[in-house]
Amino acid sequence: MLPPHLLNRPLDEAIKEQLDSIFLGKVIDQQGLCVSVYDIGASTYMAKFRLVFIRPFVGEIITARLEESTVDGLR
């Protein structure tokens, strides 16, 4: 359900913002770390969406480039 403050925005944008706040940056059991909302298929009453997860193996080393560091976290 979308909170009232998002209802004045385009539907896809409002749904993505809500999904980001729920899933982005969180570890979901048996899935991994949610890193992105992949796509959204929305209608008036129901939305279907896909998420992108990263689930490294134990001992796996991930190499990445740091784009930004703020008080909110790393990007």
N, C-alpha and C. Protein backbone atom coordinates (compact mmCIF):
# COMPACT_ATOMS: atom_id res chain seq x y z
N MET A 1 0.84 -1.17 0.00
CA MET A 1 0.00 0.00 0.00
C MET A 1 0.89 1.25 0.00
N LEU A 2 0.52 2.20 -0.82
CA LEU A 2 1.31 3.43 -0.91
C LEU A 2 0.87 4.41 0.17
N PRO A 3 1.85 5.04 0.84
CA PRO A 3 1.50 6.07 1.81
C PRO A 3 0.97 7.31 1.08
N PRO A 4 0.13 8.10 1.75
CA PRO A 4 -0.50 9.26 1.10
C PRO A 4 0.47 10.26 0.49
N HIS A 5 1.67 10.44 1.08
CA HIS A 5 2.59 11.45 0.55
C HIS A 5 3.14 11.06 -0.83
N LEU A 6 2.96 9.81 -1.28
CA LEU A 6 3.44 9.39 -2.59
C LEU A 6 2.35 9.43 -3.67
N LEU A 7 1.13 9.71 -3.30
CA LEU A 7 0.02 9.62 -4.24
C LEU A 7 0.01 10.71 -5.29
N ASN A 8 0.75 11.79 -5.09
CA ASN A 8 0.78 12.86 -6.09
C ASN A 8 1.86 12.63 -7.15
N ARG A 9 2.60 11.52 -7.06
CA ARG A 9 3.68 11.21 -8.01
C ARG A 9 3.18 10.21 -9.04
N PRO A 10 3.89 10.08 -10.17
CA PRO A 10 3.53 9.04 -11.14
C PRO A 10 3.57 7.66 -10.46
N LEU A 11 2.64 6.78 -10.86
CA LEU A 11 2.45 5.50 -10.18
C LEU A 11 3.73 4.66 -10.13
N ASP A 12 4.43 4.49 -11.25
CA ASP A 12 5.65 3.68 -11.26
C ASP A 12 6.71 4.26 -10.32
N GLU A 13 6.85 5.57 -10.33
CA GLU A 13 7.84 6.24 -9.48
C GLU A 13 7.49 6.06 -7.99
N ALA A 14 6.22 6.20 -7.65
CA ALA A 14 5.78 6.05 -6.27
C ALA A 14 5.97 4.61 -5.78
N ILE A 15 5.64 3.65 -6.63
CA ILE A 15 5.81 2.24 -6.26
C ILE A 15 7.29 1.92 -6.07
N LYS A 16 8.15 2.40 -6.98
CA LYS A 16 9.59 2.14 -6.85
C LYS A 16 10.14 2.73 -5.56
N GLU A 17 9.72 3.94 -5.22
CA GLU A 17 10.20 4.56 -3.98
C GLU A 17 9.77 3.75 -2.76
N GLN A 18 8.54 3.25 -2.78
CA GLN A 18 8.05 2.45 -1.66
C GLN A 18 8.81 1.11 -1.58
N LEU A 19 9.03 0.46 -2.72
CA LEU A 19 9.78 -0.80 -2.72
C LEU A 19 11.22 -0.58 -2.27
N ASP A 20 11.84 0.53 -2.70
CA ASP A 20 13.20 0.86 -2.26
C ASP A 20 13.25 0.98 -0.74
N SER A 21 12.25 1.65 -0.16
CA SER A 21 12.26 1.85 1.29
C SER A 21 12.06 0.54 2.04
N ILE A 22 11.37 -0.41 1.43
CA ILE A 22 11.12 -1.69 2.09
C ILE A 22 12.29 -2.65 1.91
N PHE A 23 12.83 -2.78 0.68
CA PHE A 23 13.78 -3.84 0.38
C PHE A 23 15.23 -3.40 0.19
N LEU A 24 15.47 -2.23 -0.39
CA LEU A 24 16.82 -1.84 -0.79
C LEU A 24 17.78 -1.80 0.40
N GLY A 25 18.91 -2.49 0.24
CA GLY A 25 19.93 -2.50 1.28
C GLY A 25 19.65 -3.46 2.42
N LYS A 26 18.63 -4.28 2.28
CA LYS A 26 18.27 -5.23 3.33
C LYS A 26 18.62 -6.65 2.88
N VAL A 27 18.98 -7.48 3.84
CA VAL A 27 19.28 -8.88 3.57
C VAL A 27 18.00 -9.67 3.81
N ILE A 28 17.57 -10.38 2.78
CA ILE A 28 16.37 -11.21 2.84
C ILE A 28 16.83 -12.67 2.96
N ASP A 29 16.30 -13.40 3.94
CA ASP A 29 16.68 -14.78 4.18
C ASP A 29 16.54 -15.61 2.91
N GLN A 30 17.54 -16.40 2.61
CA GLN A 30 17.59 -17.30 1.45
C GLN A 30 17.65 -16.57 0.11
N GLN A 31 17.73 -15.26 0.09
CA GLN A 31 17.82 -14.49 -1.15
C GLN A 31 19.14 -13.76 -1.26
N GLY A 32 19.50 -12.99 -0.23
CA GLY A 32 20.73 -12.21 -0.24
C GLY A 32 20.43 -10.74 0.03
N LEU A 33 21.35 -9.89 -0.38
CA LEU A 33 21.25 -8.45 -0.20
C LEU A 33 20.53 -7.85 -1.40
N CYS A 34 19.45 -7.13 -1.17
CA CYS A 34 18.71 -6.49 -2.26
C CYS A 34 19.48 -5.24 -2.69
N VAL A 35 19.84 -5.18 -3.98
CA VAL A 35 20.63 -4.06 -4.47
C VAL A 35 19.87 -3.18 -5.47
N SER A 36 18.71 -3.66 -5.97
CA SER A 36 17.99 -2.85 -6.95
C SER A 36 16.59 -3.39 -7.17
N VAL A 37 15.67 -2.48 -7.49
CA VAL A 37 14.37 -2.88 -8.03
C VAL A 37 14.59 -3.01 -9.52
N TYR A 38 14.39 -4.21 -10.07
CA TYR A 38 14.70 -4.49 -11.47
C TYR A 38 13.64 -3.91 -12.40
N ASP A 39 12.41 -4.24 -12.16
CA ASP A 39 11.33 -3.67 -12.95
C ASP A 39 10.02 -3.76 -12.20
N ILE A 40 9.04 -3.01 -12.67
CA ILE A 40 7.72 -2.95 -12.05
C ILE A 40 6.69 -3.05 -13.15
N GLY A 41 5.71 -3.93 -12.94
CA GLY A 41 4.56 -3.98 -13.82
C GLY A 41 3.36 -3.65 -12.96
N ALA A 42 2.73 -2.53 -13.19
CA ALA A 42 1.69 -2.06 -12.27
C ALA A 42 0.35 -1.94 -12.96
N SER A 43 -0.67 -2.19 -12.20
CA SER A 43 -2.03 -1.90 -12.63
C SER A 43 -2.68 -1.10 -11.51
N THR A 44 -3.95 -0.87 -11.60
CA THR A 44 -4.62 -0.02 -10.62
C THR A 44 -4.59 -0.60 -9.21
N TYR A 45 -4.75 -1.91 -9.09
CA TYR A 45 -4.90 -2.50 -7.77
C TYR A 45 -3.74 -3.37 -7.31
N MET A 46 -2.92 -3.86 -8.21
CA MET A 46 -1.84 -4.76 -7.83
C MET A 46 -0.58 -4.42 -8.62
N ALA A 47 0.56 -4.59 -7.98
CA ALA A 47 1.84 -4.36 -8.66
C ALA A 47 2.66 -5.63 -8.58
N LYS A 48 3.27 -6.01 -9.69
CA LYS A 48 4.24 -7.10 -9.71
C LYS A 48 5.60 -6.47 -9.93
N PHE A 49 6.60 -6.99 -9.25
CA PHE A 49 7.93 -6.41 -9.38
C PHE A 49 8.98 -7.49 -9.24
N ARG A 50 10.17 -7.19 -9.76
CA ARG A 50 11.32 -8.07 -9.61
C ARG A 50 12.43 -7.28 -8.92
N LEU A 51 13.18 -7.96 -8.08
CA LEU A 51 14.27 -7.34 -7.35
C LEU A 51 15.58 -8.00 -7.75
N VAL A 52 16.68 -7.29 -7.61
CA VAL A 52 18.01 -7.83 -7.87
C VAL A 52 18.68 -8.05 -6.52
N PHE A 53 19.17 -9.27 -6.31
CA PHE A 53 19.85 -9.61 -5.07
C PHE A 53 21.28 -10.01 -5.37
N ILE A 54 22.13 -9.84 -4.38
CA ILE A 54 23.49 -10.36 -4.45
C ILE A 54 23.65 -11.27 -3.24
N ARG A 55 24.10 -12.49 -3.49
CA ARG A 55 24.28 -13.46 -2.41
C ARG A 55 25.65 -14.12 -2.58
N PRO A 56 26.68 -13.50 -2.01
CA PRO A 56 28.03 -14.07 -2.16
C PRO A 56 28.16 -15.38 -1.39
N PHE A 57 29.06 -16.21 -1.87
CA PHE A 57 29.38 -17.46 -1.19
C PHE A 57 30.25 -17.15 0.02
N VAL A 58 30.24 -18.03 1.00
CA VAL A 58 31.09 -17.87 2.18
C VAL A 58 32.54 -17.84 1.72
N GLY A 59 33.26 -16.81 2.12
CA GLY A 59 34.66 -16.66 1.76
C GLY A 59 34.89 -15.94 0.43
N GLU A 60 33.82 -15.64 -0.30
CA GLU A 60 33.95 -14.95 -1.58
C GLU A 60 34.35 -13.50 -1.35
N ILE A 61 35.25 -12.99 -2.16
CA ILE A 61 35.69 -11.60 -2.08
C ILE A 61 35.06 -10.83 -3.23
N ILE A 62 34.40 -9.75 -2.90
CA ILE A 62 33.75 -8.92 -3.91
C ILE A 62 34.56 -7.64 -4.09
N THR A 63 34.93 -7.35 -5.32
CA THR A 63 35.65 -6.13 -5.63
C THR A 63 34.66 -5.11 -6.18
N ALA A 64 34.72 -3.89 -5.66
CA ALA A 64 33.78 -2.86 -6.09
C ALA A 64 34.48 -1.51 -6.08
N ARG A 65 33.85 -0.54 -6.72
CA ARG A 65 34.36 0.82 -6.74
C ARG A 65 33.43 1.69 -5.88
N LEU A 66 33.98 2.44 -4.97
CA LEU A 66 33.21 3.32 -4.10
C LEU A 66 32.92 4.62 -4.84
N GLU A 67 31.64 4.92 -5.04
CA GLU A 67 31.24 6.13 -5.73
C GLU A 67 31.07 7.31 -4.77
N GLU A 68 30.54 7.00 -3.57
CA GLU A 68 30.20 8.08 -2.66
C GLU A 68 30.16 7.55 -1.23
N SER A 69 30.56 8.38 -0.29
CA SER A 69 30.48 8.04 1.13
C SER A 69 29.82 9.21 1.85
N THR A 70 28.65 8.95 2.43
CA THR A 70 27.94 9.99 3.18
C THR A 70 27.54 9.43 4.55
N VAL A 71 26.89 10.25 5.36
CA VAL A 71 26.42 9.77 6.66
C VAL A 71 25.36 8.69 6.51
N ASP A 72 24.69 8.64 5.34
CA ASP A 72 23.67 7.63 5.09
C ASP A 72 24.26 6.28 4.72
N GLY A 73 25.51 6.25 4.27
CA GLY A 73 26.16 4.99 3.92
C GLY A 73 27.05 5.12 2.71
N LEU A 74 27.43 3.98 2.16
CA LEU A 74 28.33 3.92 1.02
C LEU A 74 27.53 3.61 -0.24
N ARG A 75 28.00 4.14 -1.36
CA ARG A 75 27.36 3.84 -2.64
C ARG A 75 28.43 3.48 -3.64
